[in-house]
């Protein structure tokens, strides 16, 4: 199993007091220290190419992030900002997923975790939002379709916030199944159970206070069966750990073991349908203590 990361991802600075801080990635990397994960192959994340980004994003969005010099902090909206280091961080985050997809498909590393930031799943085709600049998991899915000719790619998103960007990008693409559990109501206000795309979107909105039992039951009853029926050739994971009970930005009551349980179930699905190929990328999670716990549980389960 591989870990993709890059020091450039620590240089995205959305501003003082912002919850999506560099300390998040530092906490994740501490949790994945070589002493605890000696067999994890550690790789430098390459930068995504403009061609890879343009498969899922508008030329205007890509140019706005990559081609305009930034001095200090430039706000894109109330939650989302650019600093001098943001463009390279976002390129490395998306590039990590593409490199991990390549390795999964060529068999050199069938499973990977991308310890990167900024997160991505709120970025739509035309808009950076919700702390997200480029939609890394969507870039990776599109890369699998275009560069490797896959016909069925699934994205499993367990971030507590709905991945409106991933849903937007693949709304009419039946080659990509998007399944998501998330708190409702909560930012960004999308992800209703009636939102189906072309039959390739399965949302499981859950109320504030959702605990381990209810979370696992929803995955068992709706989301895992949808993945099984789709039989993906590659499984991508938007790994947001902000449903943990310690997280300050949401109201689920989950623990690290829930993420280990779900990750193991996703790996089982991939073993049956996708030759074991799972590529996971970090999304949300804003309690550093919870991030460390959940990352360990997730990567232990990914590694088997």
C-alpha atoms as a PDB file:
ATOM      1  CA  UNK A   1       0.000   0.000   0.000  1.00  0.00           C
ATOM      2  CA  UNK A   2       1.152   3.525  -0.769  1.00  0.00           C
ATOM      3  CA  UNK A   3       0.933   6.885   0.938  1.00  0.00           C
ATOM      4  CA  UNK A   4       1.019   9.902  -1.375  1.00  0.00           C
ATOM      5  CA  UNK A   5       1.754  13.308   0.105  1.00  0.00           C
ATOM      6  CA  UNK A   6       3.835  16.423  -0.527  1.00  0.00           C
ATOM      7  CA  UNK A   7       5.241  19.186   1.672  1.00  0.00           C
ATOM      8  CA  UNK A   8       3.654  21.754  -0.671  1.00  0.00           C
ATOM      9  CA  UNK A   9       0.293  20.766   0.804  1.00  0.00           C
ATOM     10  CA  UNK A  10       1.426  22.328   4.088  1.00  0.00           C
ATOM     11  CA  UNK A  11       1.930  25.688   2.365  1.00  0.00           C
ATOM     12  CA  UNK A  12      -1.728  26.357   1.559  1.00  0.00           C
ATOM     13  CA  UNK A  13      -2.642  29.028   4.121  1.00  0.00           C
ATOM     14  CA  UNK A  14      -6.340  30.011   4.122  1.00  0.00           C
ATOM     15  CA  UNK A  15      -5.814  32.560   6.901  1.00  0.00           C
ATOM     16  CA  UNK A  16      -5.472  32.852  10.699  1.00  0.00           C
ATOM     17  CA  UNK A  17      -8.006  30.829  12.643  1.00  0.00           C
ATOM     18  CA  UNK A  18      -9.266  28.971   9.580  1.00  0.00           C
ATOM     19  CA  UNK A  19     -10.301  25.384  10.460  1.00  0.00           C
ATOM     20  CA  UNK A  20      -8.703  23.958   7.301  1.00  0.00           C
ATOM     21  CA  UNK A  21      -5.210  24.669   8.626  1.00  0.00           C
ATOM     22  CA  UNK A  22      -1.831  23.087   7.800  1.00  0.00           C
ATOM     23  CA  UNK A  23      -1.892  21.485  11.268  1.00  0.00           C
ATOM     24  CA  UNK A  24      -4.530  19.078   9.933  1.00  0.00           C
ATOM     25  CA  UNK A  25      -2.083  17.491   7.520  1.00  0.00           C
ATOM     26  CA  UNK A  26       0.672  17.491  10.139  1.00  0.00           C
ATOM     27  CA  UNK A  27      -1.646  15.522  12.458  1.00  0.00           C
ATOM     28  CA  UNK A  28      -2.420  13.006   9.709  1.00  0.00           C
ATOM     29  CA  UNK A  29       1.264  12.491   8.922  1.00  0.00           C
ATOM     30  CA  UNK A  30       2.063  12.069  12.619  1.00  0.00           C
ATOM     31  CA  UNK A  31      -0.581   9.348  12.794  1.00  0.00           C
ATOM     32  CA  UNK A  32       1.024   7.568   9.831  1.00  0.00           C
ATOM     33  CA  UNK A  33       4.586   7.662  11.209  1.00  0.00           C
ATOM     34  CA  UNK A  34       6.924   4.942   9.896  1.00  0.00           C
ATOM     35  CA  UNK A  35       7.174   3.368  13.360  1.00  0.00           C
ATOM     36  CA  UNK A  36       3.469   2.492  13.231  1.00  0.00           C
ATOM     37  CA  UNK A  37       3.178   1.874   9.484  1.00  0.00           C
ATOM     38  CA  UNK A  38       6.571   0.450   8.467  1.00  0.00           C
ATOM     39  CA  UNK A  39       5.236  -1.216   5.301  1.00  0.00           C
ATOM     40  CA  UNK A  40       3.574   1.896   3.909  1.00  0.00           C
ATOM     41  CA  UNK A  41       5.384   2.918   0.719  1.00  0.00           C
ATOM     42  CA  UNK A  42       5.816   6.698   0.875  1.00  0.00           C
ATOM     43  CA  UNK A  43       5.637   8.608  -2.405  1.00  0.00           C
ATOM     44  CA  UNK A  44       5.921  12.263  -3.347  1.00  0.00           C
ATOM     45  CA  UNK A  45       2.711  13.423  -4.984  1.00  0.00           C
ATOM     46  CA  UNK A  46       3.240  14.773  -8.511  1.00  0.00           C
ATOM     47  CA  UNK A  47       1.447  17.872  -9.734  1.00  0.00           C
ATOM     48  CA  UNK A  48      -1.689  17.309 -11.759  1.00  0.00           C
ATOM     49  CA  UNK A  49      -1.557  18.504 -15.349  1.00  0.00           C
ATOM     50  CA  UNK A  50      -3.868  21.170 -16.698  1.00  0.00           C
ATOM     51  CA  UNK A  51      -5.319  18.523 -19.021  1.00  0.00           C
ATOM     52  CA  UNK A  52      -6.280  16.392 -16.020  1.00  0.00           C
ATOM     53  CA  UNK A  53      -7.939  19.352 -14.292  1.00  0.00           C
ATOM     54  CA  UNK A  54      -9.852  20.446 -17.394  1.00  0.00           C
ATOM     55  CA  UNK A  55     -11.614  17.095 -17.630  1.00  0.00           C
ATOM     56  CA  UNK A  56     -13.727  18.118 -14.626  1.00  0.00           C
ATOM     57  CA  UNK A  57     -13.282  21.897 -14.205  1.00  0.00           C
ATOM     58  CA  UNK A  58     -13.951  24.917 -16.378  1.00  0.00           C
ATOM     59  CA  UNK A  59     -11.025  26.724 -17.968  1.00  0.00           C
ATOM     60  CA  UNK A  60     -12.031  29.826 -16.016  1.00  0.00           C
ATOM     61  CA  UNK A  61     -11.798  28.072 -12.648  1.00  0.00           C
ATOM     62  CA  UNK A  62      -8.435  26.499 -13.474  1.00  0.00           C
ATOM     63  CA  UNK A  63      -6.986  29.779 -14.715  1.00  0.00           C
ATOM     64  CA  UNK A  64      -8.334  31.690 -11.716  1.00  0.00           C
ATOM     65  CA  UNK A  65      -6.433  29.430  -9.323  1.00  0.00           C
ATOM     66  CA  UNK A  66      -3.251  28.779 -11.312  1.00  0.00           C
ATOM     67  CA  UNK A  67      -2.599  31.933 -13.322  1.00  0.00           C
ATOM     68  CA  UNK A  68      -3.217  34.843 -10.955  1.00  0.00           C
ATOM     69  CA  UNK A  69      -0.404  35.743  -8.522  1.00  0.00           C
ATOM     70  CA  UNK A  70      -1.525  35.877  -4.895  1.00  0.00           C
ATOM     71  CA  UNK A  71      -0.093  38.207  -2.280  1.00  0.00           C
ATOM     72  CA  UNK A  72      -1.272  37.560   1.261  1.00  0.00           C
ATOM     73  CA  UNK A  73      -4.679  35.855   1.318  1.00  0.00           C
ATOM     74  CA  UNK A  74      -7.221  36.239  -1.481  1.00  0.00           C
ATOM     75  CA  UNK A  75     -10.752  35.231  -0.526  1.00  0.00           C
ATOM     76  CA  UNK A  76     -12.866  33.372  -3.081  1.00  0.00           C
ATOM     77  CA  UNK A  77     -15.861  33.241  -0.734  1.00  0.00           C
ATOM     78  CA  UNK A  78     -16.482  33.432   3.013  1.00  0.00           C
ATOM     79  CA  UNK A  79     -14.922  29.994   3.559  1.00  0.00           C
ATOM     80  CA  UNK A  80     -12.424  29.542   0.742  1.00  0.00           C
ATOM     81  CA  UNK A  81      -9.169  31.387   0.182  1.00  0.00           C
ATOM     82  CA  UNK A  82      -5.931  31.372  -1.788  1.00  0.00           C
ATOM     83  CA  UNK A  83      -2.423  32.088  -0.557  1.00  0.00           C
ATOM     84  CA  UNK A  84       0.883  32.071  -2.406  1.00  0.00           C
ATOM     85  CA  UNK A  85       1.260  28.337  -1.794  1.00  0.00           C
ATOM     86  CA  UNK A  86      -2.287  27.307  -2.625  1.00  0.00           C
ATOM     87  CA  UNK A  87      -1.961  26.617  -6.344  1.00  0.00           C
ATOM     88  CA  UNK A  88       0.853  24.101  -5.922  1.00  0.00           C
ATOM     89  CA  UNK A  89      -0.890  22.481  -2.948  1.00  0.00           C
ATOM     90  CA  UNK A  90      -4.064  21.991  -4.977  1.00  0.00           C
ATOM     91  CA  UNK A  91      -2.078  20.646  -7.944  1.00  0.00           C
ATOM     92  CA  UNK A  92      -0.276  18.142  -5.711  1.00  0.00           C
ATOM     93  CA  UNK A  93      -3.544  17.074  -4.066  1.00  0.00           C
ATOM     94  CA  UNK A  94      -5.157  16.291  -7.413  1.00  0.00           C
ATOM     95  CA  UNK A  95      -1.938  14.830  -8.788  1.00  0.00           C
ATOM     96  CA  UNK A  96      -1.675  12.458  -5.838  1.00  0.00           C
ATOM     97  CA  UNK A  97      -5.020  10.895  -6.689  1.00  0.00           C
ATOM     98  CA  UNK A  98      -4.109  10.549 -10.369  1.00  0.00           C
ATOM     99  CA  UNK A  99      -0.774   8.909  -9.505  1.00  0.00           C
ATOM    100  CA  UNK A 100      -2.497   6.565  -7.072  1.00  0.00           C
ATOM    101  CA  UNK A 101      -5.041   5.636  -9.764  1.00  0.00           C
ATOM    102  CA  UNK A 102      -2.188   4.835 -12.158  1.00  0.00           C
ATOM    103  CA  UNK A 103      -0.520   2.610  -9.554  1.00  0.00           C
ATOM    104  CA  UNK A 104      -3.776   0.851  -8.687  1.00  0.00           C
ATOM    105  CA  UNK A 105      -4.518   0.069 -12.315  1.00  0.00           C
ATOM    106  CA  UNK A 106      -0.998  -1.035 -13.286  1.00  0.00           C
ATOM    107  CA  UNK A 107      -0.906  -3.226 -10.171  1.00  0.00           C
ATOM    108  CA  UNK A 108       2.157  -1.689  -8.541  1.00  0.00           C
ATOM    109  CA  UNK A 109       0.067  -0.577  -5.521  1.00  0.00           C
ATOM    110  CA  UNK A 110      -3.590  -1.551  -5.568  1.00  0.00           C
ATOM    111  CA  UNK A 111      -4.473   0.571  -2.523  1.00  0.00           C
ATOM    112  CA  UNK A 112      -3.392   4.061  -1.550  1.00  0.00           C
ATOM    113  CA  UNK A 113      -4.138   6.912   0.818  1.00  0.00           C
ATOM    114  CA  UNK A 114      -3.512  10.467  -0.340  1.00  0.00           C
ATOM    115  CA  UNK A 115      -2.589  12.620   2.673  1.00  0.00           C
ATOM    116  CA  UNK A 116      -3.110  15.958   0.980  1.00  0.00           C
ATOM    117  CA  UNK A 117      -4.875  19.287   1.329  1.00  0.00           C
ATOM    118  CA  UNK A 118      -6.793  21.380   0.451  1.00  0.00           C
ATOM    119  CA  UNK A 119      -9.765  19.015   0.367  1.00  0.00           C
ATOM    120  CA  UNK A 120     -11.740  18.799  -2.846  1.00  0.00           C
ATOM    121  CA  UNK A 121     -15.237  17.361  -2.826  1.00  0.00           C
ATOM    122  CA  UNK A 122     -17.113  20.686  -2.638  1.00  0.00           C
ATOM    123  CA  UNK A 123     -15.420  22.127  -5.754  1.00  0.00           C
ATOM    124  CA  UNK A 124     -17.905  22.002  -8.620  1.00  0.00           C
ATOM    125  CA  UNK A 125     -17.157  22.130 -12.304  1.00  0.00           C
ATOM    126  CA  UNK A 126     -17.053  25.935 -12.242  1.00  0.00           C
ATOM    127  CA  UNK A 127     -16.647  27.004  -8.613  1.00  0.00           C
ATOM    128  CA  UNK A 128     -14.128  26.604  -5.793  1.00  0.00           C
ATOM    129  CA  UNK A 129     -16.012  26.526  -2.476  1.00  0.00           C
ATOM    130  CA  UNK A 130     -16.240  24.962   0.973  1.00  0.00           C
ATOM    131  CA  UNK A 131     -12.448  25.088   1.613  1.00  0.00           C
ATOM    132  CA  UNK A 132     -11.933  23.253  -1.733  1.00  0.00           C
ATOM    133  CA  UNK A 133     -10.061  24.489  -4.823  1.00  0.00           C
ATOM    134  CA  UNK A 134      -9.876  21.542  -7.245  1.00  0.00           C
ATOM    135  CA  UNK A 135     -11.981  18.409  -6.807  1.00  0.00           C
ATOM    136  CA  UNK A 136      -9.166  15.890  -6.427  1.00  0.00           C
ATOM    137  CA  UNK A 137     -11.314  12.769  -6.251  1.00  0.00           C
ATOM    138  CA  UNK A 138     -13.228  13.854  -9.359  1.00  0.00           C
ATOM    139  CA  UNK A 139      -9.976  14.560 -11.201  1.00  0.00           C
ATOM    140  CA  UNK A 140      -8.853  11.038 -10.298  1.00  0.00           C
ATOM    141  CA  UNK A 141     -12.110   9.461 -11.443  1.00  0.00           C
ATOM    142  CA  UNK A 142     -11.999  11.285 -14.768  1.00  0.00           C
ATOM    143  CA  UNK A 143      -8.355  10.252 -15.184  1.00  0.00           C
ATOM    144  CA  UNK A 144      -9.316   6.593 -14.686  1.00  0.00           C
ATOM    145  CA  UNK A 145     -11.981   6.910 -17.382  1.00  0.00           C
ATOM    146  CA  UNK A 146      -9.930   8.881 -19.908  1.00  0.00           C
ATOM    147  CA  UNK A 147      -6.411   7.522 -19.465  1.00  0.00           C
ATOM    148  CA  UNK A 148      -7.207   3.910 -18.565  1.00  0.00           C
ATOM    149  CA  UNK A 149     -10.503   3.289 -20.326  1.00  0.00           C
ATOM    150  CA  UNK A 150     -12.419   2.126 -17.259  1.00  0.00           C
ATOM    151  CA  UNK A 151     -16.199   1.992 -17.607  1.00  0.00           C
ATOM    152  CA  UNK A 152     -17.296   1.858 -13.960  1.00  0.00           C
ATOM    153  CA  UNK A 153     -15.673   4.014 -11.290  1.00  0.00           C
ATOM    154  CA  UNK A 154     -17.303   4.525  -7.885  1.00  0.00           C
ATOM    155  CA  UNK A 155     -16.789   7.317  -5.355  1.00  0.00           C
ATOM    156  CA  UNK A 156     -17.720   6.544  -1.733  1.00  0.00           C
ATOM    157  CA  UNK A 157     -17.940   9.738   0.321  1.00  0.00           C
ATOM    158  CA  UNK A 158     -18.321   9.510   4.103  1.00  0.00           C
ATOM    159  CA  UNK A 159     -17.448  13.124   4.936  1.00  0.00           C
ATOM    160  CA  UNK A 160     -20.096  14.613   7.216  1.00  0.00           C
ATOM    161  CA  UNK A 161     -20.695  17.341   4.598  1.00  0.00           C
ATOM    162  CA  UNK A 162     -22.239  16.359   1.272  1.00  0.00           C
ATOM    163  CA  UNK A 163     -19.822  16.350  -1.662  1.00  0.00           C
ATOM    164  CA  UNK A 164     -21.874  18.655  -3.849  1.00  0.00           C
ATOM    165  CA  UNK A 165     -18.955  19.186  -6.226  1.00  0.00           C
ATOM    166  CA  UNK A 166     -18.473  15.497  -6.966  1.00  0.00           C
ATOM    167  CA  UNK A 167     -22.217  15.129  -7.486  1.00  0.00           C
ATOM    168  CA  UNK A 168     -22.296  18.174  -9.785  1.00  0.00           C
ATOM    169  CA  UNK A 169     -19.405  16.986 -11.938  1.00  0.00           C
ATOM    170  CA  UNK A 170     -20.748  13.462 -12.523  1.00  0.00           C
ATOM    171  CA  UNK A 171     -24.488  14.202 -12.410  1.00  0.00           C
ATOM    172  CA  UNK A 172     -25.047  12.967 -15.978  1.00  0.00           C
ATOM    173  CA  UNK A 173     -22.219  10.426 -16.256  1.00  0.00           C
ATOM    174  CA  UNK A 174     -23.444   6.866 -15.624  1.00  0.00           C
ATOM    175  CA  UNK A 175     -19.859   5.581 -15.708  1.00  0.00           C
ATOM    176  CA  UNK A 176     -19.357   7.102 -12.226  1.00  0.00           C
ATOM    177  CA  UNK A 177     -21.409   6.071  -9.211  1.00  0.00           C
ATOM    178  CA  UNK A 178     -21.406   8.573  -6.347  1.00  0.00           C
ATOM    179  CA  UNK A 179     -22.621   7.394  -2.925  1.00  0.00           C
ATOM    180  CA  UNK A 180     -22.604   9.647   0.133  1.00  0.00           C
ATOM    181  CA  UNK A 181     -23.639   9.662   3.777  1.00  0.00           C
ATOM    182  CA  UNK A 182     -23.775  13.129   5.349  1.00  0.00           C
ATOM    183  CA  UNK A 183     -25.489  15.272   7.957  1.00  0.00           C
ATOM    184  CA  UNK A 184     -28.667  17.050   6.882  1.00  0.00           C
ATOM    185  CA  UNK A 185     -29.308  19.909   7.355  1.00  0.00           C
ATOM    186  CA  UNK A 186     -25.712  21.117   7.110  1.00  0.00           C
ATOM    187  CA  UNK A 187     -23.450  22.904   4.641  1.00  0.00           C
ATOM    188  CA  UNK A 188     -23.685  22.932   1.623  1.00  0.00           C
ATOM    189  CA  UNK A 189     -27.413  22.128   1.718  1.00  0.00           C
ATOM    190  CA  UNK A 190     -27.366  19.545  -1.070  1.00  0.00           C
ATOM    191  CA  UNK A 191     -27.527  15.758  -1.013  1.00  0.00           C
ATOM    192  CA  UNK A 192     -31.227  15.028  -0.656  1.00  0.00           C
ATOM    193  CA  UNK A 193     -32.360  11.440  -1.013  1.00  0.00           C
ATOM    194  CA  UNK A 194     -34.321  12.424  -4.147  1.00  0.00           C
ATOM    195  CA  UNK A 195     -31.185  13.647  -5.976  1.00  0.00           C
ATOM    196  CA  UNK A 196     -30.376  10.772  -8.354  1.00  0.00           C
ATOM    197  CA  UNK A 197     -28.548  12.251 -11.369  1.00  0.00           C
ATOM    198  CA  UNK A 198     -28.850   9.754 -14.203  1.00  0.00           C
ATOM    199  CA  UNK A 199     -29.439   7.004 -11.645  1.00  0.00           C
ATOM    200  CA  UNK A 200     -25.787   7.159 -10.570  1.00  0.00           C
ATOM    201  CA  UNK A 201     -26.211   9.262  -7.393  1.00  0.00           C
ATOM    202  CA  UNK A 202     -27.192   7.664  -4.071  1.00  0.00           C
ATOM    203  CA  UNK A 203     -27.442  10.026  -1.116  1.00  0.00           C
ATOM    204  CA  UNK A 204     -28.079   9.066   2.492  1.00  0.00           C
ATOM    205  CA  UNK A 205     -28.823  12.260   4.448  1.00  0.00           C
ATOM    206  CA  UNK A 206     -28.748  11.653   8.211  1.00  0.00           C
ATOM    207  CA  UNK A 207     -29.798  13.873  11.121  1.00  0.00           C
ATOM    208  CA  UNK A 208     -27.631  15.602  13.669  1.00  0.00           C
ATOM    209  CA  UNK A 209     -26.761  13.189  16.456  1.00  0.00           C
ATOM    210  CA  UNK A 210     -26.375  10.182  14.156  1.00  0.00           C
ATOM    211  CA  UNK A 211     -24.464   7.529  16.089  1.00  0.00           C
ATOM    212  CA  UNK A 212     -22.481   4.441  15.138  1.00  0.00           C
ATOM    213  CA  UNK A 213     -25.519   2.175  14.897  1.00  0.00           C
ATOM    214  CA  UNK A 214     -27.501   4.451  12.595  1.00  0.00           C
ATOM    215  CA  UNK A 215     -24.468   5.282  10.455  1.00  0.00           C
ATOM    216  CA  UNK A 216     -23.536   1.636   9.924  1.00  0.00           C
ATOM    217  CA  UNK A 217     -27.146   0.666   9.271  1.00  0.00           C
ATOM    218  CA  UNK A 218     -27.484   3.259   6.486  1.00  0.00           C
ATOM    219  CA  UNK A 219     -24.331   2.000   4.782  1.00  0.00           C
ATOM    220  CA  UNK A 220     -25.456  -1.633   5.144  1.00  0.00           C
ATOM    221  CA  UNK A 221     -28.988  -0.952   3.901  1.00  0.00           C
ATOM    222  CA  UNK A 222     -28.451   1.509   1.034  1.00  0.00           C
ATOM    223  CA  UNK A 223     -24.933   2.564   0.140  1.00  0.00           C
ATOM    224  CA  UNK A 224     -22.948  -0.677   0.213  1.00  0.00           C
ATOM    225  CA  UNK A 225     -25.669  -2.509  -1.785  1.00  0.00           C
ATOM    226  CA  UNK A 226     -25.557   0.272  -4.395  1.00  0.00           C
ATOM    227  CA  UNK A 227     -21.802  -0.209  -4.709  1.00  0.00           C
ATOM    228  CA  UNK A 228     -22.227  -3.975  -4.995  1.00  0.00           C
ATOM    229  CA  UNK A 229     -24.821  -3.611  -7.739  1.00  0.00           C
ATOM    230  CA  UNK A 230     -22.611  -1.207  -9.673  1.00  0.00           C
ATOM    231  CA  UNK A 231     -19.588  -3.559  -9.456  1.00  0.00           C
ATOM    232  CA  UNK A 232     -16.940  -0.833  -9.822  1.00  0.00           C
ATOM    233  CA  UNK A 233     -13.645  -1.489 -11.572  1.00  0.00           C
ATOM    234  CA  UNK A 234     -12.050   1.090  -9.240  1.00  0.00           C
ATOM    235  CA  UNK A 235     -13.245   2.451  -5.899  1.00  0.00           C
ATOM    236  CA  UNK A 236     -12.314   5.984  -4.854  1.00  0.00           C
ATOM    237  CA  UNK A 237     -12.950   7.261  -1.330  1.00  0.00           C
ATOM    238  CA  UNK A 238     -13.570  10.805  -0.150  1.00  0.00           C
ATOM    239  CA  UNK A 239     -12.303  10.250   3.384  1.00  0.00           C
ATOM    240  CA  UNK A 240     -13.668  12.992   5.597  1.00  0.00           C
ATOM    241  CA  UNK A 241     -13.394  12.333   9.320  1.00  0.00           C
ATOM    242  CA  UNK A 242     -15.561  15.247  10.501  1.00  0.00           C
ATOM    243  CA  UNK A 243     -18.379  12.922  11.572  1.00  0.00           C
ATOM    244  CA  UNK A 244     -16.302  12.055  14.645  1.00  0.00           C
ATOM    245  CA  UNK A 245     -17.958  13.109  17.907  1.00  0.00           C
ATOM    246  CA  UNK A 246     -15.062  15.506  18.686  1.00  0.00           C
ATOM    247  CA  UNK A 247     -15.348  17.465  15.444  1.00  0.00           C
ATOM    248  CA  UNK A 248     -16.241  21.139  15.974  1.00  0.00           C
ATOM    249  CA  UNK A 249     -17.960  21.724  12.602  1.00  0.00           C
ATOM    250  CA  UNK A 250     -20.718  19.111  12.657  1.00  0.00           C
ATOM    251  CA  UNK A 251     -22.953  17.029  14.884  1.00  0.00           C
ATOM    252  CA  UNK A 252     -22.500  13.305  14.255  1.00  0.00           C
ATOM    253  CA  UNK A 253     -21.559  10.996  17.138  1.00  0.00           C
ATOM    254  CA  UNK A 254     -19.127   8.640  15.399  1.00  0.00           C
ATOM    255  CA  UNK A 255     -15.858   7.142  16.651  1.00  0.00           C
ATOM    256  CA  UNK A 256     -12.689   6.024  14.886  1.00  0.00           C
ATOM    257  CA  UNK A 257     -13.834   2.388  14.857  1.00  0.00           C
ATOM    258  CA  UNK A 258     -16.747   3.355  12.600  1.00  0.00           C
ATOM    259  CA  UNK A 259     -14.323   4.523   9.940  1.00  0.00           C
ATOM    260  CA  UNK A 260     -12.284   1.351  10.289  1.00  0.00           C
ATOM    261  CA  UNK A 261     -15.443  -0.742   9.908  1.00  0.00           C
ATOM    262  CA  UNK A 262     -16.625   1.129   6.811  1.00  0.00           C
ATOM    263  CA  UNK A 263     -13.169   1.100   5.218  1.00  0.00           C
ATOM    264  CA  UNK A 264     -12.965  -2.671   5.658  1.00  0.00           C
ATOM    265  CA  UNK A 265     -16.385  -3.024   4.013  1.00  0.00           C
ATOM    266  CA  UNK A 266     -15.250  -0.873   1.081  1.00  0.00           C
ATOM    267  CA  UNK A 267     -12.079  -2.949   0.700  1.00  0.00           C
ATOM    268  CA  UNK A 268     -14.212  -6.113   0.671  1.00  0.00           C
ATOM    269  CA  UNK A 269     -16.321  -4.646  -2.128  1.00  0.00           C
ATOM    270  CA  UNK A 270     -13.202  -3.714  -4.090  1.00  0.00           C
ATOM    271  CA  UNK A 271     -11.787  -7.203  -3.612  1.00  0.00           C
ATOM    272  CA  UNK A 272     -14.933  -8.691  -5.148  1.00  0.00           C
ATOM    273  CA  UNK A 273     -15.292  -6.311  -8.086  1.00  0.00           C
ATOM    274  CA  UNK A 274     -12.227  -4.098  -8.602  1.00  0.00           C
ATOM    275  CA  UNK A 275      -9.232  -6.403  -8.151  1.00  0.00           C
ATOM    276  CA  UNK A 276      -8.806  -4.807  -4.724  1.00  0.00           C
ATOM    277  CA  UNK A 277      -8.226  -1.317  -6.138  1.00  0.00           C
ATOM    278  CA  UNK A 278      -9.034   1.432  -3.623  1.00  0.00           C
ATOM    279  CA  UNK A 279      -7.688   4.994  -3.711  1.00  0.00           C
ATOM    280  CA  UNK A 280      -8.628   7.187  -0.752  1.00  0.00           C
ATOM    281  CA  UNK A 281      -8.016  10.899  -0.356  1.00  0.00           C
ATOM    282  CA  UNK A 282      -8.333  13.125   2.695  1.00  0.00           C
ATOM    283  CA  UNK A 283     -11.312  15.464   2.788  1.00  0.00           C
ATOM    284  CA  UNK A 284     -12.567  17.032   6.039  1.00  0.00           C
ATOM    285  CA  UNK A 285     -11.868  16.508   9.731  1.00  0.00           C
ATOM    286  CA  UNK A 286     -11.162  19.449  12.031  1.00  0.00           C
ATOM    287  CA  UNK A 287     -10.385  17.939  15.437  1.00  0.00           C
ATOM    288  CA  UNK A 288      -6.685  17.091  15.387  1.00  0.00           C
ATOM    289  CA  UNK A 289      -7.091  14.345  17.990  1.00  0.00           C
ATOM    290  CA  UNK A 290      -9.931  12.763  16.022  1.00  0.00           C
ATOM    291  CA  UNK A 291      -8.002  13.109  12.756  1.00  0.00           C
ATOM    292  CA  UNK A 292      -5.112  11.131  14.177  1.00  0.00           C
ATOM    293  CA  UNK A 293      -7.372   8.367  15.525  1.00  0.00           C
ATOM    294  CA  UNK A 294      -9.511   8.106  12.414  1.00  0.00           C
ATOM    295  CA  UNK A 295      -6.581   8.183  10.012  1.00  0.00           C
ATOM    296  CA  UNK A 296      -4.943   5.276  11.836  1.00  0.00           C
ATOM    297  CA  UNK A 297      -8.165   3.243  11.757  1.00  0.00           C
ATOM    298  CA  UNK A 298      -8.774   4.038   8.072  1.00  0.00           C
ATOM    299  CA  UNK A 299      -5.260   3.231   6.864  1.00  0.00           C
ATOM    300  CA  UNK A 300      -4.976   0.062   8.961  1.00  0.00           C
ATOM    301  CA  UNK A 301      -8.209  -1.162   7.328  1.00  0.00           C
ATOM    302  CA  UNK A 302      -7.062  -0.074   3.862  1.00  0.00           C
ATOM    303  CA  UNK A 303      -3.806  -1.955   4.287  1.00  0.00           C
ATOM    304  CA  UNK A 304      -5.651  -5.024   5.513  1.00  0.00           C
END
